[in-house]
N, C-alpha and C. Protein backbone atom coordinates (compact mmCIF):
# COMPACT_ATOMS: atom_id res chain seq x y z
N MET A 1 1.08 -1.06 0.02
CA MET A 1 0.15 0.10 0.15
C MET A 1 0.85 1.39 -0.03
N ARG A 2 0.75 2.28 -0.76
CA ARG A 2 1.68 3.15 -1.03
C ARG A 2 1.44 4.29 0.30
N LEU A 3 0.45 4.25 0.60
CA LEU A 3 0.04 5.48 1.78
C LEU A 3 -0.36 4.69 3.07
N SER A 4 0.34 5.57 3.93
CA SER A 4 0.07 4.56 5.74
C SER A 4 -0.88 4.89 6.07
N GLU A 5 -1.46 4.07 7.01
CA GLU A 5 -2.78 4.39 7.87
C GLU A 5 -3.13 5.88 8.02
N PHE A 6 -2.10 6.41 8.50
CA PHE A 6 -2.13 7.69 9.49
C PHE A 6 -2.05 8.92 8.23
N GLN A 7 -1.82 8.23 6.73
CA GLN A 7 -2.19 9.31 5.86
C GLN A 7 -3.46 9.25 5.31
N VAL A 8 -3.90 7.97 5.52
CA VAL A 8 -5.61 7.47 5.00
C VAL A 8 -6.29 8.24 5.65
N LYS A 9 -6.04 8.47 7.02
CA LYS A 9 -6.79 9.12 8.15
C LYS A 9 -6.66 10.25 7.82
N TYR A 10 -5.65 11.18 7.59
CA TYR A 10 -5.34 12.35 7.52
C TYR A 10 -6.32 12.87 6.06
N LEU A 11 -6.32 12.02 4.99
CA LEU A 11 -6.89 12.61 3.96
C LEU A 11 -8.43 12.74 4.16
N CYS A 12 -8.67 11.40 5.10
CA CYS A 12 -10.33 10.95 5.42
C CYS A 12 -10.81 12.47 5.83
N GLN A 13 -10.19 12.64 6.90
CA GLN A 13 -10.71 13.72 7.83
C GLN A 13 -10.51 15.03 6.96
N LYS A 14 -9.71 15.35 6.25
CA LYS A 14 -9.41 16.31 5.51
C LYS A 14 -10.90 16.59 4.37
N LEU A 15 -10.93 15.43 3.69
CA LEU A 15 -12.15 15.26 3.00
C LEU A 15 -13.63 15.34 3.74
N LEU A 16 -13.84 14.96 4.92
CA LEU A 16 -15.06 14.80 5.42
C LEU A 16 -15.21 16.38 5.96
N LEU A 17 -13.72 17.44 6.51
CA LEU A 17 -13.85 18.37 6.81
C LEU A 17 -14.39 19.31 5.82
N GLY A 18 -13.84 19.11 4.68
CA GLY A 18 -14.14 19.86 3.61
C GLY A 18 -15.90 19.96 3.37
N LEU A 19 -16.11 18.93 2.82
CA LEU A 19 -17.57 18.52 2.94
C LEU A 19 -18.39 18.94 3.42
N LYS A 20 -18.49 18.92 4.94
CA LYS A 20 -18.91 19.51 6.14
C LYS A 20 -19.13 21.49 6.01
N SER A 21 -17.89 21.73 5.93
CA SER A 21 -17.93 22.95 6.12
C SER A 21 -18.47 23.77 4.92
N LYS A 22 -18.51 22.99 3.73
CA LYS A 22 -19.55 23.66 2.56
C LYS A 22 -20.55 23.19 2.50
N LYS A 23 -21.07 22.47 3.74
CA LYS A 23 -22.59 21.93 3.64
C LYS A 23 -23.01 20.92 2.43
N LEU A 24 -22.07 20.02 2.19
CA LEU A 24 -22.46 19.43 0.96
C LEU A 24 -22.97 18.34 1.45
N ILE A 25 -22.65 17.61 2.61
CA ILE A 25 -23.38 16.67 3.18
C ILE A 25 -24.03 16.67 4.61
N VAL A 26 -25.06 15.72 5.38
CA VAL A 26 -25.85 15.90 6.40
C VAL A 26 -25.40 14.28 6.97
N LEU A 27 -24.78 14.54 8.25
CA LEU A 27 -24.40 13.06 8.65
C LEU A 27 -25.72 12.43 9.26
N LYS A 28 -25.76 11.20 9.18
CA LYS A 28 -26.71 10.33 9.91
C LYS A 28 -26.50 9.26 10.63
N LYS A 29 -25.06 9.44 11.00
CA LYS A 29 -24.30 8.71 12.01
C LYS A 29 -23.42 9.93 12.46
N SER A 30 -22.45 9.41 13.52
CA SER A 30 -21.65 9.94 14.07
C SER A 30 -20.50 10.55 13.15
N GLU A 31 -20.02 11.81 13.33
CA GLU A 31 -18.77 11.97 12.73
C GLU A 31 -17.42 10.69 12.92
N MET A 32 -17.47 10.43 13.83
CA MET A 32 -16.32 8.80 13.95
C MET A 32 -17.07 7.68 13.22
N ASP A 33 -18.02 7.60 13.27
CA ASP A 33 -18.57 6.30 12.69
C ASP A 33 -18.59 6.66 10.72
N VAL A 34 -18.85 7.94 10.33
CA VAL A 34 -18.91 7.96 9.12
C VAL A 34 -16.85 8.14 8.49
N LEU A 35 -16.26 8.70 9.72
CA LEU A 35 -14.77 8.82 9.33
C LEU A 35 -14.11 7.21 9.09
N ASN A 36 -14.46 6.37 9.54
CA ASN A 36 -14.32 4.98 10.28
C ASN A 36 -14.29 4.09 8.68
N LYS A 37 -15.47 4.47 8.30
CA LYS A 37 -16.34 4.07 7.33
C LYS A 37 -15.55 4.35 6.11
N MET A 38 -14.85 5.78 6.02
CA MET A 38 -14.64 6.61 4.93
C MET A 38 -12.87 5.88 4.88
N GLN A 39 -12.49 5.70 5.66
CA GLN A 39 -11.06 4.75 5.78
C GLN A 39 -11.17 3.52 5.60
N GLU A 40 -12.08 2.86 6.18
CA GLU A 40 -12.16 1.17 5.62
C GLU A 40 -12.42 1.22 4.28
N ILE A 41 -12.98 1.86 3.32
CA ILE A 41 -13.33 1.85 2.13
C ILE A 41 -12.06 2.13 1.28
N PHE A 42 -11.40 3.24 1.94
CA PHE A 42 -10.25 4.22 1.25
C PHE A 42 -9.01 2.98 1.40
N ILE A 43 -8.81 2.10 2.64
CA ILE A 43 -7.78 1.09 2.79
C ILE A 43 -8.33 -0.02 1.81
N GLN A 44 -9.85 -0.35 1.53
CA GLN A 44 -9.95 -1.66 0.69
C GLN A 44 -10.04 -0.99 -0.87
N ASP A 45 -10.06 0.00 -1.65
CA ASP A 45 -9.77 0.19 -2.57
C ASP A 45 -8.30 0.63 -2.88
N LEU A 46 -7.53 0.71 -1.83
CA LEU A 46 -6.34 0.84 -1.91
C LEU A 46 -5.21 -0.47 -2.43
N LYS A 47 -6.06 -1.48 -1.37
CA LYS A 47 -5.73 -3.08 -1.37
C LYS A 47 -6.49 -3.81 -2.81
N VAL A 48 -7.20 -3.43 -3.09
CA VAL A 48 -7.62 -3.64 -4.58
C VAL A 48 -6.65 -2.98 -5.79
N GLU A 49 -6.12 -2.05 -5.81
CA GLU A 49 -5.03 -1.39 -6.78
C GLU A 49 -3.76 -2.38 -6.40
N ASP A 50 -3.40 -2.43 -5.36
CA ASP A 50 -1.95 -3.19 -4.98
C ASP A 50 -2.46 -4.76 -5.49
N ALA A 51 -3.45 -5.52 -5.08
CA ALA A 51 -3.88 -6.59 -6.18
C ALA A 51 -3.75 -6.12 -7.81
N ILE A 52 -4.42 -5.50 -7.92
CA ILE A 52 -4.11 -5.40 -9.74
C ILE A 52 -2.42 -5.17 -10.04
N ASN A 53 -2.00 -4.19 -9.13
CA ASN A 53 -0.40 -3.69 -9.55
C ASN A 53 0.54 -5.02 -9.49
N ARG A 54 0.18 -6.16 -8.80
CA ARG A 54 0.73 -7.49 -8.57
C ARG A 54 0.55 -8.00 -9.96
N GLU A 55 -0.93 -8.40 -10.17
CA GLU A 55 -0.87 -8.97 -11.45
C GLU A 55 -0.43 -8.42 -12.64
N ALA A 56 -0.90 -7.41 -12.79
CA ALA A 56 0.32 -6.72 -13.75
C ALA A 56 1.54 -7.02 -13.78
N GLU A 57 2.16 -6.59 -12.92
CA GLU A 57 3.75 -7.32 -12.82
C GLU A 57 4.00 -8.64 -13.33
N LYS A 58 2.70 -9.35 -12.75
CA LYS A 58 3.07 -10.78 -12.90
C LYS A 58 3.12 -10.82 -14.52
N ILE A 59 1.98 -10.30 -15.22
CA ILE A 59 1.98 -10.29 -16.75
C ILE A 59 2.80 -9.82 -17.40
N LEU A 60 3.66 -8.51 -17.00
CA LEU A 60 4.64 -8.03 -17.55
C LEU A 60 5.76 -9.14 -17.70
N ALA A 61 6.00 -9.67 -16.59
CA ALA A 61 7.13 -10.67 -16.49
C ALA A 61 7.39 -11.33 -17.73
N GLN A 62 5.84 -11.68 -17.91
CA GLN A 62 5.92 -13.13 -19.09
C GLN A 62 6.12 -12.24 -19.95
N TYR A 63 5.67 -11.06 -20.40
CA TYR A 63 6.21 -10.37 -21.80
C TYR A 63 7.24 -9.96 -21.72
N GLU A 64 7.74 -9.44 -20.72
CA GLU A 64 9.21 -9.41 -21.05
C GLU A 64 10.41 -10.41 -21.48
N ALA A 65 9.76 -11.83 -20.80
CA ALA A 65 10.55 -12.95 -21.05
C ALA A 65 10.56 -13.09 -22.52
N GLN A 66 9.15 -12.78 -23.32
CA GLN A 66 9.12 -13.21 -24.58
C GLN A 66 10.11 -12.03 -25.73
N MET A 67 9.77 -10.83 -25.21
CA MET A 67 10.03 -9.65 -25.77
C MET A 67 11.29 -8.84 -25.52
N GLY A 68 12.01 -9.68 -24.42
CA GLY A 68 13.45 -8.82 -24.04
C GLY A 68 13.29 -7.63 -23.58
N ASP A 69 14.33 -6.62 -24.53
CA ASP A 69 14.47 -5.32 -24.23
C ASP A 69 14.04 -4.59 -25.01
N LYS A 70 13.00 -4.75 -25.74
CA LYS A 70 12.16 -4.34 -27.19
C LYS A 70 11.13 -3.36 -26.60
N VAL A 71 10.88 -3.28 -25.45
CA VAL A 71 9.58 -3.01 -24.61
C VAL A 71 9.90 -1.74 -23.71
N ASP A 72 9.45 -0.77 -23.72
CA ASP A 72 9.19 0.31 -22.26
C ASP A 72 8.53 -0.33 -21.36
N ARG A 73 9.26 -0.41 -20.42
CA ARG A 73 8.55 -1.55 -19.01
C ARG A 73 7.67 -0.44 -18.55
N GLN A 74 7.60 0.54 -18.10
CA GLN A 74 6.69 1.69 -17.71
C GLN A 74 5.52 1.70 -18.32
N LYS A 75 5.70 1.97 -19.65
CA LYS A 75 4.40 2.12 -20.54
C LYS A 75 3.46 0.89 -20.81
N MET A 76 4.45 -0.32 -20.90
CA MET A 76 3.25 -1.54 -21.05
C MET A 76 2.76 -1.96 -19.38
N PHE A 77 3.32 -1.39 -18.64
CA PHE A 77 3.02 -1.74 -17.09
C PHE A 77 1.90 -1.20 -17.09
N GLN A 78 1.57 0.20 -17.22
CA GLN A 78 0.59 1.35 -17.51
C GLN A 78 -0.68 0.45 -18.56
N MET A 79 -0.46 0.17 -19.86
CA MET A 79 -1.23 -0.66 -20.43
C MET A 79 -1.83 -1.86 -20.13
N ILE A 80 -1.21 -2.63 -19.45
CA ILE A 80 -1.63 -3.89 -18.60
C ILE A 80 -2.58 -3.44 -17.58
N LYS A 81 -1.91 -2.58 -16.94
CA LYS A 81 -2.78 -2.29 -15.61
C LYS A 81 -4.32 -1.55 -15.93
N LYS A 82 -4.26 -1.22 -17.23
CA LYS A 82 -5.68 -0.38 -17.52
C LYS A 82 -6.54 -1.47 -18.16
N GLN A 83 -5.80 -2.23 -18.61
CA GLN A 83 -6.90 -3.36 -19.06
C GLN A 83 -7.25 -4.29 -18.33
N LEU A 84 -6.63 -4.54 -17.28
CA LEU A 84 -6.99 -5.12 -16.00
C LEU A 84 -8.41 -4.64 -15.29
N ILE A 85 -8.03 -3.22 -15.09
CA ILE A 85 -8.93 -2.37 -14.51
C ILE A 85 -10.65 -2.24 -15.57
N LYS A 86 -9.76 -2.41 -16.25
CA LYS A 86 -11.61 -2.57 -17.61
C LYS A 86 -11.87 -3.93 -17.12
N ASP A 87 -11.34 -4.92 -17.34
CA ASP A 87 -11.72 -6.14 -17.04
C ASP A 87 -12.60 -6.70 -16.05
N LYS A 88 -11.67 -6.55 -14.99
CA LYS A 88 -12.26 -6.23 -13.67
C LYS A 88 -13.73 -5.67 -13.10
N GLY A 89 -13.79 -4.43 -13.91
CA GLY A 89 -14.98 -3.52 -13.67
C GLY A 89 -14.75 -2.49 -12.45
N VAL A 90 -13.42 -2.01 -12.05
CA VAL A 90 -12.89 -1.51 -11.01
C VAL A 90 -12.97 -0.23 -11.20
N VAL A 91 -13.21 0.80 -10.13
CA VAL A 91 -13.07 2.24 -10.68
C VAL A 91 -11.45 2.53 -9.51
N ILE A 92 -10.19 3.00 -10.18
CA ILE A 92 -9.08 3.19 -9.57
C ILE A 92 -9.05 4.87 -9.52
């Protein structure tokens, strides 16, 4: 996971504070409950992205073995990742 739990908590707090201060949301549960749920969802999404990254790396390793040094690794990784996201129907 690229972000620490502290960073996730900080981002969620800032987002919740911003939404509340602009009166874009009305909380039906306590602020702590909402914040905890936001963090849970955020971390879950990061884990999904991590899994896709691992899968993309595995696929890329297979292609690299076939193609050698002829390919731009980062570009190929992004293409594979984009296709995996599309195939799995997730939003990242």
